[in-house]
Amino acid sequence: MKKAIITLLLAALVLAAIPALATAQNTFTAADGTATGNAPTVQNTTYEGFGYVEVDFLQDVNYENPTVTVTDANGAAIAATIVQLDDDDMTFQISDYAADATYNYTVSGVRVGRSGEYTSVTGTFIVPLEGAAVIKKVEYDRDDRDVDIEFAALVQYEAPAVQIVTADGTTINATITDWDEDSIEARLDSALDIGTEYMVTVTGVRSAQDAEYGSASLTFTAYDD
């Protein structure tokens, strides 16, 4: 009889513990999901020509009903359509745009990884003049304070120079160390902060032989390559 009573008491204790255990497991899962639900970091935004714009993310991302909105410097909306989605980049196309103009964009319905809230990211890009050089991406070497700037097409130079500007307008001087027909390298006077956004500008460059030499700029997020 005592054994039967003890068995019943143990069973009751186990049943009472199950809801608490389930609650603890659900709480842990929810907290874990929230922790990974950060917005992705935009590494580079490149205007590729014919209205196409590529956004490269620093991390792998997922999408849910993604949308893109684009505005000009005056805040007027520009028609934009997403044409390609990949794990670490996306491409959209704009219409009725002007050359030598800066545009702002917002991508919604994107997140880092496979859990957490879907959110949005913002960025800017420049539609260059016809024949102007376009920077495709920037790679940064923290140990050597070097930047490797890659162009979207073959380019030519005339007394080129490289300059990097911070968000508050501070200029970081750079000394060119090497260049070829599709890239240019420079050493910075001071190191960049990892995870911080900068704008790089190359002057004295062009992509077409009959175009004037001008400048190419790109906003990028510094990370150690």
N, C-alpha and C. Protein backbone atom coordinates (compact mmCIF):
# COMPACT_ATOMS: atom_id res chain seq x y z
N MET A 1 0.83 -1.21 0.00
CA MET A 1 0.00 0.00 0.00
C MET A 1 0.86 1.26 0.00
N LYS A 2 1.94 1.26 0.85
CA LYS A 2 2.84 2.41 0.89
C LYS A 2 3.50 2.64 -0.47
N LYS A 3 3.89 1.54 -1.13
CA LYS A 3 4.51 1.67 -2.46
C LYS A 3 3.55 2.31 -3.45
N ALA A 4 2.28 1.95 -3.39
CA ALA A 4 1.29 2.51 -4.31
C ALA A 4 1.12 3.99 -4.07
N ILE A 5 1.08 4.40 -2.78
CA ILE A 5 0.91 5.83 -2.46
C ILE A 5 2.12 6.62 -2.93
N ILE A 6 3.32 6.07 -2.69
CA ILE A 6 4.55 6.76 -3.11
C ILE A 6 4.59 6.92 -4.63
N THR A 7 4.17 5.86 -5.34
CA THR A 7 4.15 5.91 -6.81
C THR A 7 3.21 6.98 -7.32
N LEU A 8 2.02 7.08 -6.70
CA LEU A 8 1.05 8.10 -7.10
C LEU A 8 1.57 9.50 -6.83
N LEU A 9 2.25 9.69 -5.69
CA LEU A 9 2.81 11.00 -5.36
C LEU A 9 3.88 11.41 -6.36
N LEU A 10 4.75 10.48 -6.73
CA LEU A 10 5.80 10.77 -7.71
C LEU A 10 5.20 11.14 -9.07
N ALA A 11 4.16 10.43 -9.47
CA ALA A 11 3.52 10.71 -10.75
C ALA A 11 2.91 12.11 -10.74
N ALA A 12 2.29 12.48 -9.60
CA ALA A 12 1.69 13.81 -9.50
C ALA A 12 2.75 14.90 -9.59
N LEU A 13 3.91 14.68 -8.96
CA LEU A 13 5.00 15.66 -9.02
C LEU A 13 5.53 15.83 -10.44
N VAL A 14 5.66 14.73 -11.17
CA VAL A 14 6.14 14.79 -12.55
C VAL A 14 5.17 15.56 -13.43
N LEU A 15 3.85 15.28 -13.26
CA LEU A 15 2.84 15.97 -14.07
C LEU A 15 2.81 17.46 -13.76
N ALA A 16 3.03 17.80 -12.49
CA ALA A 16 3.04 19.22 -12.12
C ALA A 16 4.24 19.94 -12.70
N ALA A 17 5.35 19.23 -12.90
CA ALA A 17 6.58 19.86 -13.40
C ALA A 17 6.56 20.08 -14.90
N ILE A 18 5.74 19.30 -15.63
CA ILE A 18 5.75 19.37 -17.09
C ILE A 18 5.37 20.75 -17.62
N PRO A 19 4.28 21.42 -17.14
CA PRO A 19 3.97 22.76 -17.67
C PRO A 19 5.09 23.75 -17.44
N ALA A 20 5.71 23.70 -16.25
CA ALA A 20 6.80 24.63 -15.96
C ALA A 20 7.97 24.41 -16.89
N LEU A 21 8.29 23.12 -17.17
CA LEU A 21 9.38 22.80 -18.08
C LEU A 21 9.07 23.30 -19.48
N ALA A 22 7.84 23.11 -19.94
CA ALA A 22 7.46 23.57 -21.27
C ALA A 22 7.55 25.08 -21.37
N THR A 23 7.11 25.78 -20.29
CA THR A 23 7.20 27.24 -20.29
C THR A 23 8.64 27.69 -20.37
N ALA A 24 9.53 27.05 -19.62
CA ALA A 24 10.94 27.43 -19.64
C ALA A 24 11.54 27.22 -21.02
N GLN A 25 11.19 26.11 -21.70
CA GLN A 25 11.72 25.84 -23.03
C GLN A 25 11.23 26.88 -24.03
N ASN A 26 9.93 27.26 -23.95
CA ASN A 26 9.39 28.26 -24.86
C ASN A 26 10.04 29.62 -24.64
N THR A 27 10.27 29.97 -23.36
CA THR A 27 10.90 31.25 -23.05
C THR A 27 12.30 31.30 -23.64
N PHE A 28 13.06 30.22 -23.53
CA PHE A 28 14.42 30.18 -24.06
C PHE A 28 14.41 30.33 -25.57
N THR A 29 13.49 29.65 -26.25
CA THR A 29 13.40 29.73 -27.71
C THR A 29 13.05 31.14 -28.17
N ALA A 30 12.11 31.77 -27.48
CA ALA A 30 11.70 33.12 -27.87
C ALA A 30 12.85 34.10 -27.68
N ALA A 31 13.57 33.97 -26.57
CA ALA A 31 14.69 34.88 -26.32
C ALA A 31 15.78 34.68 -27.37
N ASP A 32 16.01 33.41 -27.73
CA ASP A 32 17.03 33.12 -28.73
C ASP A 32 16.65 33.72 -30.08
N GLY A 33 15.38 33.64 -30.46
CA GLY A 33 14.93 34.20 -31.72
C GLY A 33 15.06 35.71 -31.76
N THR A 34 14.72 36.37 -30.66
CA THR A 34 14.83 37.83 -30.61
C THR A 34 16.26 38.28 -30.75
N ALA A 35 17.18 37.53 -30.17
CA ALA A 35 18.58 37.92 -30.18
C ALA A 35 19.17 37.88 -31.58
N THR A 36 18.63 37.03 -32.46
CA THR A 36 19.20 36.90 -33.80
C THR A 36 18.43 37.71 -34.85
N GLY A 37 17.44 38.48 -34.41
CA GLY A 37 16.60 39.18 -35.35
C GLY A 37 17.07 40.59 -35.67
N ASN A 38 18.37 40.80 -35.86
CA ASN A 38 18.90 42.13 -36.16
C ASN A 38 18.81 42.43 -37.66
N ALA A 39 18.81 43.71 -37.97
CA ALA A 39 18.81 44.12 -39.37
C ALA A 39 20.17 43.80 -39.99
N PRO A 40 20.20 43.38 -41.25
CA PRO A 40 21.48 43.10 -41.91
C PRO A 40 22.26 44.38 -42.17
N THR A 41 23.56 44.23 -42.37
CA THR A 41 24.44 45.35 -42.69
C THR A 41 24.66 45.41 -44.19
N VAL A 42 24.42 46.57 -44.78
CA VAL A 42 24.69 46.76 -46.20
C VAL A 42 26.18 46.99 -46.39
N GLN A 43 26.82 46.11 -47.14
CA GLN A 43 28.26 46.21 -47.37
C GLN A 43 28.57 47.18 -48.51
N ASN A 44 27.88 47.01 -49.64
CA ASN A 44 28.08 47.89 -50.80
C ASN A 44 26.76 48.07 -51.53
N THR A 45 26.58 49.23 -52.12
CA THR A 45 25.46 49.48 -53.02
C THR A 45 26.03 49.98 -54.34
N THR A 46 25.78 49.25 -55.42
CA THR A 46 26.42 49.56 -56.70
C THR A 46 25.39 49.81 -57.79
N TYR A 47 25.51 50.95 -58.48
CA TYR A 47 24.70 51.18 -59.67
C TYR A 47 25.39 50.49 -60.84
N GLU A 48 24.70 49.52 -61.47
CA GLU A 48 25.32 48.68 -62.49
C GLU A 48 24.99 49.11 -63.91
N GLY A 49 24.21 50.17 -64.07
CA GLY A 49 23.84 50.62 -65.40
C GLY A 49 22.44 50.20 -65.79
N PHE A 50 21.82 50.95 -66.71
CA PHE A 50 20.48 50.66 -67.23
C PHE A 50 19.43 50.59 -66.12
N GLY A 51 19.65 51.32 -65.04
CA GLY A 51 18.69 51.37 -63.95
C GLY A 51 18.83 50.27 -62.91
N TYR A 52 19.78 49.36 -63.08
CA TYR A 52 19.96 48.25 -62.14
C TYR A 52 20.86 48.66 -60.98
N VAL A 53 20.43 48.30 -59.76
CA VAL A 53 21.18 48.60 -58.54
C VAL A 53 21.34 47.31 -57.73
N GLU A 54 22.58 46.99 -57.35
CA GLU A 54 22.84 45.79 -56.55
C GLU A 54 23.18 46.19 -55.13
N VAL A 55 22.54 45.52 -54.16
CA VAL A 55 22.80 45.74 -52.74
C VAL A 55 23.45 44.48 -52.18
N ASP A 56 24.69 44.60 -51.70
CA ASP A 56 25.42 43.47 -51.12
C ASP A 56 25.35 43.56 -49.60
N PHE A 57 24.95 42.44 -48.97
CA PHE A 57 24.87 42.38 -47.51
C PHE A 57 26.12 41.73 -46.94
N LEU A 58 26.47 42.13 -45.72
CA LEU A 58 27.64 41.57 -45.06
C LEU A 58 27.36 40.16 -44.55
N GLN A 59 26.07 39.87 -44.23
CA GLN A 59 25.69 38.56 -43.72
C GLN A 59 24.69 37.89 -44.67
N ASP A 60 24.47 36.59 -44.47
CA ASP A 60 23.40 35.91 -45.19
C ASP A 60 22.06 36.40 -44.65
N VAL A 61 21.08 36.55 -45.54
CA VAL A 61 19.79 37.11 -45.14
C VAL A 61 18.65 36.23 -45.64
N ASN A 62 17.47 36.49 -45.09
CA ASN A 62 16.23 35.88 -45.55
C ASN A 62 15.21 36.99 -45.80
N TYR A 63 14.20 36.68 -46.63
CA TYR A 63 13.22 37.69 -47.02
C TYR A 63 11.81 37.18 -46.73
N GLU A 64 10.90 38.13 -46.49
CA GLU A 64 9.47 37.83 -46.40
C GLU A 64 8.71 39.00 -47.03
N ASN A 65 8.09 38.74 -48.17
CA ASN A 65 7.39 39.78 -48.91
C ASN A 65 8.23 41.05 -49.04
N PRO A 66 9.44 40.94 -49.58
CA PRO A 66 10.33 42.11 -49.65
C PRO A 66 9.81 43.18 -50.60
N THR A 67 10.07 44.42 -50.24
CA THR A 67 9.72 45.56 -51.09
C THR A 67 10.89 46.54 -51.09
N VAL A 68 10.94 47.39 -52.11
CA VAL A 68 11.96 48.43 -52.18
C VAL A 68 11.29 49.74 -52.57
N THR A 69 11.65 50.81 -51.88
CA THR A 69 11.19 52.15 -52.23
C THR A 69 12.41 53.02 -52.49
N VAL A 70 12.31 53.89 -53.49
CA VAL A 70 13.42 54.76 -53.89
C VAL A 70 12.91 56.19 -53.99
N THR A 71 13.69 57.14 -53.49
CA THR A 71 13.36 58.55 -53.59
C THR A 71 14.56 59.34 -54.08
N ASP A 72 14.29 60.48 -54.73
CA ASP A 72 15.39 61.33 -55.18
C ASP A 72 15.77 62.31 -54.08
N ALA A 73 16.66 63.25 -54.38
CA ALA A 73 17.15 64.18 -53.37
C ALA A 73 16.05 65.08 -52.82
N ASN A 74 14.96 65.26 -53.58
CA ASN A 74 13.85 66.09 -53.14
C ASN A 74 12.75 65.30 -52.43
N GLY A 75 12.96 63.98 -52.30
CA GLY A 75 11.97 63.14 -51.63
C GLY A 75 10.91 62.58 -52.54
N ALA A 76 11.00 62.86 -53.84
CA ALA A 76 10.02 62.33 -54.79
C ALA A 76 10.26 60.84 -55.03
N ALA A 77 9.17 60.08 -55.08
CA ALA A 77 9.29 58.63 -55.26
C ALA A 77 9.68 58.28 -56.69
N ILE A 78 10.54 57.28 -56.82
CA ILE A 78 10.98 56.75 -58.11
C ILE A 78 10.52 55.30 -58.21
N ALA A 79 9.91 54.93 -59.33
CA ALA A 79 9.44 53.56 -59.50
C ALA A 79 10.62 52.59 -59.43
N ALA A 80 10.45 51.52 -58.63
CA ALA A 80 11.52 50.54 -58.45
C ALA A 80 10.92 49.15 -58.34
N THR A 81 11.60 48.16 -58.93
CA THR A 81 11.12 46.78 -58.93
C THR A 81 12.26 45.84 -58.57
N ILE A 82 12.02 44.94 -57.62
CA ILE A 82 13.02 43.92 -57.27
C ILE A 82 13.08 42.89 -58.40
N VAL A 83 14.29 42.61 -58.88
CA VAL A 83 14.44 41.67 -60.00
C VAL A 83 15.20 40.41 -59.60
N GLN A 84 15.93 40.43 -58.48
CA GLN A 84 16.67 39.24 -58.07
C GLN A 84 16.93 39.28 -56.57
N LEU A 85 16.78 38.11 -55.92
CA LEU A 85 17.07 37.95 -54.49
C LEU A 85 18.01 36.78 -54.30
N ASP A 86 19.10 37.00 -53.57
CA ASP A 86 20.05 35.95 -53.24
C ASP A 86 20.32 35.95 -51.74
N ASP A 87 21.10 34.95 -51.28
CA ASP A 87 21.38 34.82 -49.85
C ASP A 87 22.09 36.03 -49.27
N ASP A 88 22.96 36.67 -50.06
CA ASP A 88 23.73 37.79 -49.51
C ASP A 88 23.70 39.04 -50.38
N ASP A 89 22.79 39.09 -51.34
CA ASP A 89 22.64 40.31 -52.14
C ASP A 89 21.28 40.33 -52.81
N MET A 90 20.91 41.47 -53.32
CA MET A 90 19.66 41.62 -54.07
C MET A 90 19.86 42.69 -55.14
N THR A 91 19.04 42.65 -56.17
CA THR A 91 19.12 43.63 -57.25
C THR A 91 17.72 44.18 -57.53
N PHE A 92 17.65 45.50 -57.68
CA PHE A 92 16.39 46.11 -58.11
C PHE A 92 16.66 47.05 -59.27
N GLN A 93 15.59 47.40 -59.99
CA GLN A 93 15.71 48.28 -61.15
C GLN A 93 14.81 49.49 -60.98
N ILE A 94 15.36 50.67 -61.32
CA ILE A 94 14.60 51.91 -61.24
C ILE A 94 14.30 52.42 -62.64
N SER A 95 13.28 53.26 -62.75
CA SER A 95 12.92 53.86 -64.03
C SER A 95 12.74 55.36 -63.85
N ASP A 96 12.80 56.09 -64.96
CA ASP A 96 12.63 57.56 -64.93
C ASP A 96 13.64 58.22 -64.00
N TYR A 97 14.89 57.85 -64.15
CA TYR A 97 15.95 58.40 -63.30
C TYR A 97 16.80 59.38 -64.11
N ALA A 98 17.54 60.21 -63.39
CA ALA A 98 18.42 61.19 -64.02
C ALA A 98 19.87 60.84 -63.76
N ALA A 99 20.74 61.17 -64.70
CA ALA A 99 22.18 60.93 -64.52
C ALA A 99 22.77 61.99 -63.60
N ASP A 100 23.88 61.64 -62.99
CA ASP A 100 24.59 62.53 -62.07
C ASP A 100 23.68 62.96 -60.93
N ALA A 101 22.94 61.99 -60.37
CA ALA A 101 22.00 62.28 -59.29
C ALA A 101 22.12 61.21 -58.20
N THR A 102 21.80 61.62 -56.97
CA THR A 102 21.87 60.72 -55.81
C THR A 102 20.46 60.29 -55.42
N TYR A 103 20.30 59.01 -55.10
CA TYR A 103 19.01 58.46 -54.71
C TYR A 103 19.13 57.71 -53.39
N ASN A 104 18.02 57.70 -52.64
CA ASN A 104 17.94 56.95 -51.39
C ASN A 104 16.99 55.77 -51.57
N TYR A 105 17.28 54.67 -50.91
CA TYR A 105 16.40 53.50 -51.02
C TYR A 105 16.17 52.87 -49.65
N THR A 106 15.05 52.16 -49.53
CA THR A 106 14.73 51.37 -48.34
C THR A 106 14.25 50.00 -48.79
N VAL A 107 14.88 48.96 -48.27
CA VAL A 107 14.46 47.58 -48.52
C VAL A 107 13.79 47.06 -47.26
N SER A 108 12.54 46.63 -47.37
CA SER A 108 11.78 46.10 -46.23
C SER A 108 11.54 44.61 -46.41
N GLY A 109 11.27 43.93 -45.28
CA GLY A 109 11.02 42.50 -45.33
C GLY A 109 12.27 41.67 -45.42
N VAL A 110 13.32 42.05 -44.68
CA VAL A 110 14.60 41.35 -44.72
C VAL A 110 15.11 41.19 -43.29
N ARG A 111 15.87 40.13 -43.04
CA ARG A 111 16.45 39.91 -41.72
C ARG A 111 17.72 39.08 -41.86
N VAL A 112 18.54 39.10 -40.82
CA VAL A 112 19.73 38.26 -40.76
C VAL A 112 19.32 36.86 -40.29
N GLY A 113 19.82 35.83 -40.97
CA GLY A 113 19.58 34.46 -40.51
C GLY A 113 18.15 34.00 -40.71
N ARG A 114 17.78 32.97 -39.94
CA ARG A 114 16.50 32.30 -40.14
C ARG A 114 15.49 32.56 -39.03
N SER A 115 15.79 33.45 -38.09
CA SER A 115 14.85 33.74 -37.02
C SER A 115 14.91 35.20 -36.65
N GLY A 116 13.90 35.67 -35.94
CA GLY A 116 13.84 37.06 -35.54
C GLY A 116 12.88 37.86 -36.41
N GLU A 117 12.70 39.11 -36.05
CA GLU A 117 11.78 39.99 -36.76
C GLU A 117 12.33 40.39 -38.13
N TYR A 118 11.45 40.44 -39.12
CA TYR A 118 11.83 41.03 -40.40
C TYR A 118 11.85 42.55 -40.25
N THR A 119 12.81 43.19 -40.87
CA THR A 119 13.00 44.62 -40.66
C THR A 119 13.35 45.28 -41.99
N SER A 120 13.98 46.45 -41.94
CA SER A 120 14.32 47.17 -43.17
C SER A 120 15.73 47.73 -43.08
N VAL A 121 16.32 47.99 -44.24
CA VAL A 121 17.63 48.62 -44.33
C VAL A 121 17.54 49.78 -45.32
N THR A 122 18.42 50.75 -45.16
CA THR A 122 18.43 51.92 -46.04
C THR A 122 19.81 52.13 -46.62
N GLY A 123 19.87 52.88 -47.71
CA GLY A 123 21.16 53.18 -48.32
C GLY A 123 21.00 54.24 -49.40
N THR A 124 22.11 54.59 -50.03
CA THR A 124 22.11 55.57 -51.12
C THR A 124 22.93 55.05 -52.29
N PHE A 125 22.67 55.59 -53.46
CA PHE A 125 23.49 55.28 -54.63
C PHE A 125 23.46 56.47 -55.57
N ILE A 126 24.44 56.53 -56.45
CA ILE A 126 24.55 57.62 -57.41
C ILE A 126 24.46 57.06 -58.83
N VAL A 127 23.61 57.65 -59.64
CA VAL A 127 23.57 57.32 -61.06
C VAL A 127 24.57 58.24 -61.75
N PRO A 128 25.66 57.71 -62.28
CA PRO A 128 26.71 58.56 -62.85
C PRO A 128 26.35 59.06 -64.24
N LEU A 129 27.15 60.01 -64.71
CA LEU A 129 27.03 60.46 -66.09
C LEU A 129 27.45 59.33 -67.03
N GLU A 130 26.95 59.36 -68.25
CA GLU A 130 27.32 58.35 -69.24
C GLU A 130 28.83 58.39 -69.49
N GLY A 131 29.47 57.24 -69.44
CA GLY A 131 30.91 57.15 -69.63
C GLY A 131 31.71 57.31 -68.36
N ALA A 132 31.03 57.64 -67.25
CA ALA A 132 31.75 57.81 -65.98
C ALA A 132 32.07 56.45 -65.37
N ALA A 133 33.13 56.40 -64.59
CA ALA A 133 33.51 55.17 -63.91
C ALA A 133 32.53 54.88 -62.77
N VAL A 134 32.35 53.59 -62.48
CA VAL A 134 31.46 53.16 -61.39
C VAL A 134 32.23 52.21 -60.49
N ILE A 135 32.25 52.49 -59.19
CA ILE A 135 32.90 51.60 -58.22
C ILE A 135 31.94 50.47 -57.88
N LYS A 136 32.41 49.23 -58.01
CA LYS A 136 31.58 48.07 -57.72
C LYS A 136 31.65 47.66 -56.26
N LYS A 137 32.86 47.62 -55.69
CA LYS A 137 32.99 47.23 -54.28
C LYS A 137 34.32 47.73 -53.72
N VAL A 138 34.39 47.75 -52.39
CA VAL A 138 35.60 48.18 -51.67
C VAL A 138 35.95 47.12 -50.64
N GLU A 139 37.20 46.68 -50.63
CA GLU A 139 37.69 45.74 -49.62
C GLU A 139 38.72 46.44 -48.75
N TYR A 140 38.66 46.18 -47.44
CA TYR A 140 39.52 46.86 -46.49
C TYR A 140 40.39 45.86 -45.74
N ASP A 141 41.70 46.16 -45.64
CA ASP A 141 42.65 45.35 -44.88
C ASP A 141 43.04 46.15 -43.64
N ARG A 142 42.54 45.73 -42.48
CA ARG A 142 42.77 46.49 -41.25
C ARG A 142 44.23 46.50 -40.85
N ASP A 143 44.95 45.39 -41.05
CA ASP A 143 46.35 45.31 -40.62
C ASP A 143 47.22 46.31 -41.37
N ASP A 144 47.00 46.44 -42.68
CA ASP A 144 47.83 47.34 -43.50
C ASP A 144 47.17 48.69 -43.75
N ARG A 145 45.92 48.87 -43.30
CA ARG A 145 45.14 50.09 -43.55
C ARG A 145 45.01 50.35 -45.06
N ASP A 146 44.84 49.28 -45.83
CA ASP A 146 44.73 49.38 -47.28
C ASP A 146 43.27 49.22 -47.72
N VAL A 147 42.90 49.94 -48.77
CA VAL A 147 41.61 49.73 -49.42
C VAL A 147 41.86 49.31 -50.86
N ASP A 148 41.11 48.30 -51.30
CA ASP A 148 41.17 47.82 -52.68
C ASP A 148 39.83 48.17 -53.33
N ILE A 149 39.86 49.07 -54.29
CA ILE A 149 38.64 49.59 -54.91
C ILE A 149 38.49 48.97 -56.29
N GLU A 150 37.39 48.24 -56.49
CA GLU A 150 37.16 47.53 -57.75
C GLU A 150 36.08 48.25 -58.55
N PHE A 151 36.34 48.47 -59.84
CA PHE A 151 35.38 49.15 -60.71
C PHE A 151 34.49 48.15 -61.43
N ALA A 152 33.32 48.62 -61.85
CA ALA A 152 32.36 47.75 -62.53
C ALA A 152 32.75 47.47 -63.97
N ALA A 153 33.63 48.30 -64.55
CA ALA A 153 34.10 48.11 -65.92
C ALA A 153 35.54 48.61 -66.01
N LEU A 154 36.18 48.36 -67.15
CA LEU A 154 37.55 48.82 -67.34
C LEU A 154 37.59 50.35 -67.33
N VAL A 155 38.67 50.89 -66.74
CA VAL A 155 38.76 52.34 -66.58
C VAL A 155 40.12 52.86 -67.06
N GLN A 156 40.19 54.18 -67.20
CA GLN A 156 41.44 54.88 -67.49
C GLN A 156 41.63 55.97 -66.44
N TYR A 157 42.90 56.36 -66.23
CA TYR A 157 43.20 57.33 -65.18
C TYR A 157 43.94 58.54 -65.74
N GLU A 158 43.78 59.66 -65.04
CA GLU A 158 44.57 60.86 -65.29
C GLU A 158 44.77 61.56 -63.94
N ALA A 159 45.99 61.47 -63.39
CA ALA A 159 46.30 62.04 -62.07
C ALA A 159 45.26 61.62 -61.03
N PRO A 160 45.08 60.30 -60.84
CA PRO A 160 44.04 59.84 -59.91
C PRO A 160 44.37 60.16 -58.45
N ALA A 161 43.33 60.24 -57.64
CA ALA A 161 43.45 60.44 -56.20
C ALA A 161 42.32 59.70 -55.51
N VAL A 162 42.57 59.28 -54.26
CA VAL A 162 41.57 58.55 -53.47
C VAL A 162 41.34 59.30 -52.16
N GLN A 163 40.08 59.40 -51.78
CA GLN A 163 39.73 60.06 -50.52
C GLN A 163 38.57 59.33 -49.87
N ILE A 164 38.61 59.23 -48.54
CA ILE A 164 37.53 58.59 -47.79
C ILE A 164 36.98 59.60 -46.79
N VAL A 165 35.65 59.66 -46.69
CA VAL A 165 34.98 60.61 -45.81
C VAL A 165 34.06 59.86 -44.85
N THR A 166 34.07 60.28 -43.57
CA THR A 166 33.20 59.68 -42.57
C THR A 166 31.82 60.32 -42.63
N ALA A 167 30.89 59.77 -41.85
CA ALA A 167 29.51 60.28 -41.85
C ALA A 167 29.43 61.72 -41.35
N ASP A 168 30.37 62.13 -40.48
CA ASP A 168 30.35 63.50 -39.96
C ASP A 168 31.18 64.46 -40.80
N GLY A 169 31.68 63.99 -41.95
CA GLY A 169 32.40 64.86 -42.86
C GLY A 169 33.90 64.89 -42.69
N THR A 170 34.43 64.08 -41.77
CA THR A 170 35.88 64.02 -41.56
C THR A 170 36.55 63.31 -42.73
N THR A 171 37.62 63.90 -43.24
CA THR A 171 38.34 63.33 -44.38
C THR A 171 39.51 62.47 -43.91
N ILE A 172 39.61 61.28 -44.49
CA ILE A 172 40.75 60.39 -44.24
C ILE A 172 41.57 60.35 -45.52
N ASN A 173 42.77 60.88 -45.46
CA ASN A 173 43.62 60.93 -46.64
C ASN A 173 44.16 59.55 -46.99
N ALA A 174 44.45 59.35 -48.27
CA ALA A 174 44.93 58.06 -48.74
C ALA A 174 46.02 58.27 -49.79
N THR A 175 46.98 57.36 -49.79
CA THR A 175 48.07 57.38 -50.77
C THR A 175 47.92 56.19 -51.71
N ILE A 176 47.82 56.45 -52.99
CA ILE A 176 47.67 55.36 -53.97
C ILE A 176 48.95 54.54 -54.03
N THR A 177 48.81 53.22 -53.92
CA THR A 177 49.96 52.33 -53.97
C THR A 177 50.02 51.50 -55.25
N ASP A 178 48.89 51.33 -55.92
CA ASP A 178 48.89 50.52 -57.15
C ASP A 178 47.56 50.73 -57.86
N TRP A 179 47.57 50.57 -59.18
CA TRP A 179 46.32 50.58 -59.93
C TRP A 179 46.50 49.80 -61.23
N ASP A 180 45.37 49.30 -61.74
CA ASP A 180 45.35 48.66 -63.05
C ASP A 180 44.04 49.02 -63.73
N GLU A 181 43.69 48.30 -64.79
CA GLU A 181 42.57 48.72 -65.62
C GLU A 181 41.20 48.51 -64.99
N ASP A 182 41.12 47.78 -63.86
CA ASP A 182 39.81 47.61 -63.24
C ASP A 182 39.80 47.78 -61.73
N SER A 183 40.92 48.25 -61.15
CA SER A 183 40.95 48.47 -59.70
C SER A 183 42.08 49.42 -59.34
N ILE A 184 41.99 49.96 -58.11
CA ILE A 184 43.01 50.86 -57.60
C ILE A 184 43.15 50.61 -56.10
N GLU A 185 44.38 50.64 -55.60
CA GLU A 185 44.64 50.39 -54.18
C GLU A 185 45.26 51.63 -53.54
N ALA A 186 44.93 51.84 -52.27
CA ALA A 186 45.46 53.00 -51.55
C ALA A 186 45.65 52.66 -50.08
N ARG A 187 46.64 53.31 -49.45
CA ARG A 187 46.91 53.14 -48.02
C ARG A 187 46.40 54.37 -47.28
N LEU A 188 45.64 54.14 -46.21
CA LEU A 188 45.00 55.23 -45.47
C LEU A 188 45.92 55.77 -44.39
N ASP A 189 45.77 57.08 -44.10
CA ASP A 189 46.55 57.70 -43.04
C ASP A 189 46.13 57.21 -41.66
N SER A 190 44.87 56.81 -41.51
CA SER A 190 44.37 56.30 -40.24
C SER A 190 43.43 55.13 -40.49
N ALA A 191 43.29 54.26 -39.49
CA ALA A 191 42.48 53.06 -39.64
C ALA A 191 40.99 53.38 -39.65
N LEU A 192 40.22 52.52 -40.29
CA LEU A 192 38.77 52.63 -40.29
C LEU A 192 38.19 51.84 -39.12
N ASP A 193 37.03 52.26 -38.64
CA ASP A 193 36.33 51.54 -37.59
C ASP A 193 35.49 50.43 -38.22
N ILE A 194 35.71 49.20 -37.78
CA ILE A 194 34.97 48.07 -38.32
C ILE A 194 33.48 48.23 -38.04
N GLY A 195 32.66 47.99 -39.06
CA GLY A 195 31.22 48.11 -38.92
C GLY A 195 30.68 49.51 -39.14
N THR A 196 31.56 50.46 -39.47
CA THR A 196 31.16 51.85 -39.69
C THR A 196 31.07 52.15 -41.18
N GLU A 197 30.14 53.02 -41.54
CA GLU A 197 29.92 53.36 -42.95
C GLU A 197 30.80 54.54 -43.37
N TYR A 198 31.36 54.44 -44.56
CA TYR A 198 32.21 55.49 -45.13
C TYR A 198 31.84 55.70 -46.60
N MET A 199 32.31 56.83 -47.14
CA MET A 199 32.19 57.06 -48.58
C MET A 199 33.58 57.22 -49.17
N VAL A 200 33.88 56.43 -50.20
CA VAL A 200 35.16 56.53 -50.90
C VAL A 200 34.93 57.23 -52.24
N THR A 201 35.86 58.09 -52.61
CA THR A 201 35.79 58.80 -53.88
C THR A 201 37.13 58.69 -54.60
N VAL A 202 37.07 58.30 -55.87
CA VAL A 202 38.26 58.27 -56.73
C VAL A 202 38.08 59.35 -57.78
N THR A 203 39.05 60.25 -57.89
CA THR A 203 39.01 61.30 -58.90
C THR A 203 40.03 61.01 -59.99
N GLY A 204 39.84 61.65 -61.16
CA GLY A 204 40.75 61.43 -62.28
C GLY A 204 40.59 60.07 -62.91
N VAL A 205 39.34 59.64 -63.11
CA VAL A 205 39.07 58.31 -63.65
C VAL A 205 37.89 58.39 -64.61
N ARG A 206 37.86 57.51 -65.61
CA ARG A 206 36.74 57.42 -66.54
C ARG A 206 36.64 55.99 -67.05
N SER A 207 35.47 55.63 -67.59
CA SER A 207 35.28 54.27 -68.09
C SER A 207 35.22 54.21 -69.61
N ALA A 208 35.01 55.33 -70.28
CA ALA A 208 34.94 55.35 -71.74
C ALA A 208 36.00 56.30 -72.29
N GLN A 209 36.59 55.93 -73.41
CA GLN A 209 37.69 56.72 -73.96
C GLN A 209 37.26 58.11 -74.40
N ASP A 210 36.00 58.27 -74.78
CA ASP A 210 35.56 59.58 -75.26
C ASP A 210 34.88 60.40 -74.17
N ALA A 211 34.92 59.91 -72.93
CA ALA A 211 34.31 60.64 -71.82
C ALA A 211 35.36 61.50 -71.11
N GLU A 212 34.89 62.51 -70.40
CA GLU A 212 35.80 63.34 -69.62
C GLU A 212 36.20 62.61 -68.34
N TYR A 213 37.40 62.90 -67.86
CA TYR A 213 37.82 62.34 -66.58
C TYR A 213 37.00 63.01 -65.48
N GLY A 214 36.57 62.19 -64.55
CA GLY A 214 35.74 62.70 -63.45
C GLY A 214 35.99 61.91 -62.19
N SER A 215 34.95 61.72 -61.39
CA SER A 215 35.08 61.02 -60.12
C SER A 215 34.05 59.91 -60.01
N ALA A 216 34.34 58.95 -59.14
CA ALA A 216 33.42 57.86 -58.83
C ALA A 216 33.37 57.70 -57.32
N SER A 217 32.18 57.54 -56.76
CA SER A 217 32.02 57.42 -55.31
C SER A 217 31.18 56.21 -54.96
N LEU A 218 31.40 55.69 -53.76
CA LEU A 218 30.63 54.55 -53.26
C LEU A 218 30.59 54.61 -51.74
N THR A 219 29.40 54.40 -51.18
CA THR A 219 29.26 54.26 -49.73
C THR A 219 29.40 52.79 -49.36
N PHE A 220 30.24 52.48 -48.38
CA PHE A 220 30.50 51.09 -48.00
C PHE A 220 30.65 50.99 -46.49
N THR A 221 30.51 49.77 -45.99
CA THR A 221 30.72 49.48 -44.57
C THR A 221 32.05 48.78 -44.41
N ALA A 222 32.90 49.30 -43.54
CA ALA A 222 34.24 48.74 -43.36
C ALA A 222 34.19 47.43 -42.58
N TYR A 223 34.87 46.43 -43.09
CA TYR A 223 35.08 45.18 -42.37
C TYR A 223 36.42 44.63 -42.81
N ASP A 224 37.04 43.82 -41.96
CA ASP A 224 38.38 43.32 -42.26
C ASP A 224 38.29 42.18 -43.25
N ASP A 225 38.86 42.36 -44.41
CA ASP A 225 38.77 41.35 -45.47
C ASP A 225 39.61 40.12 -45.12
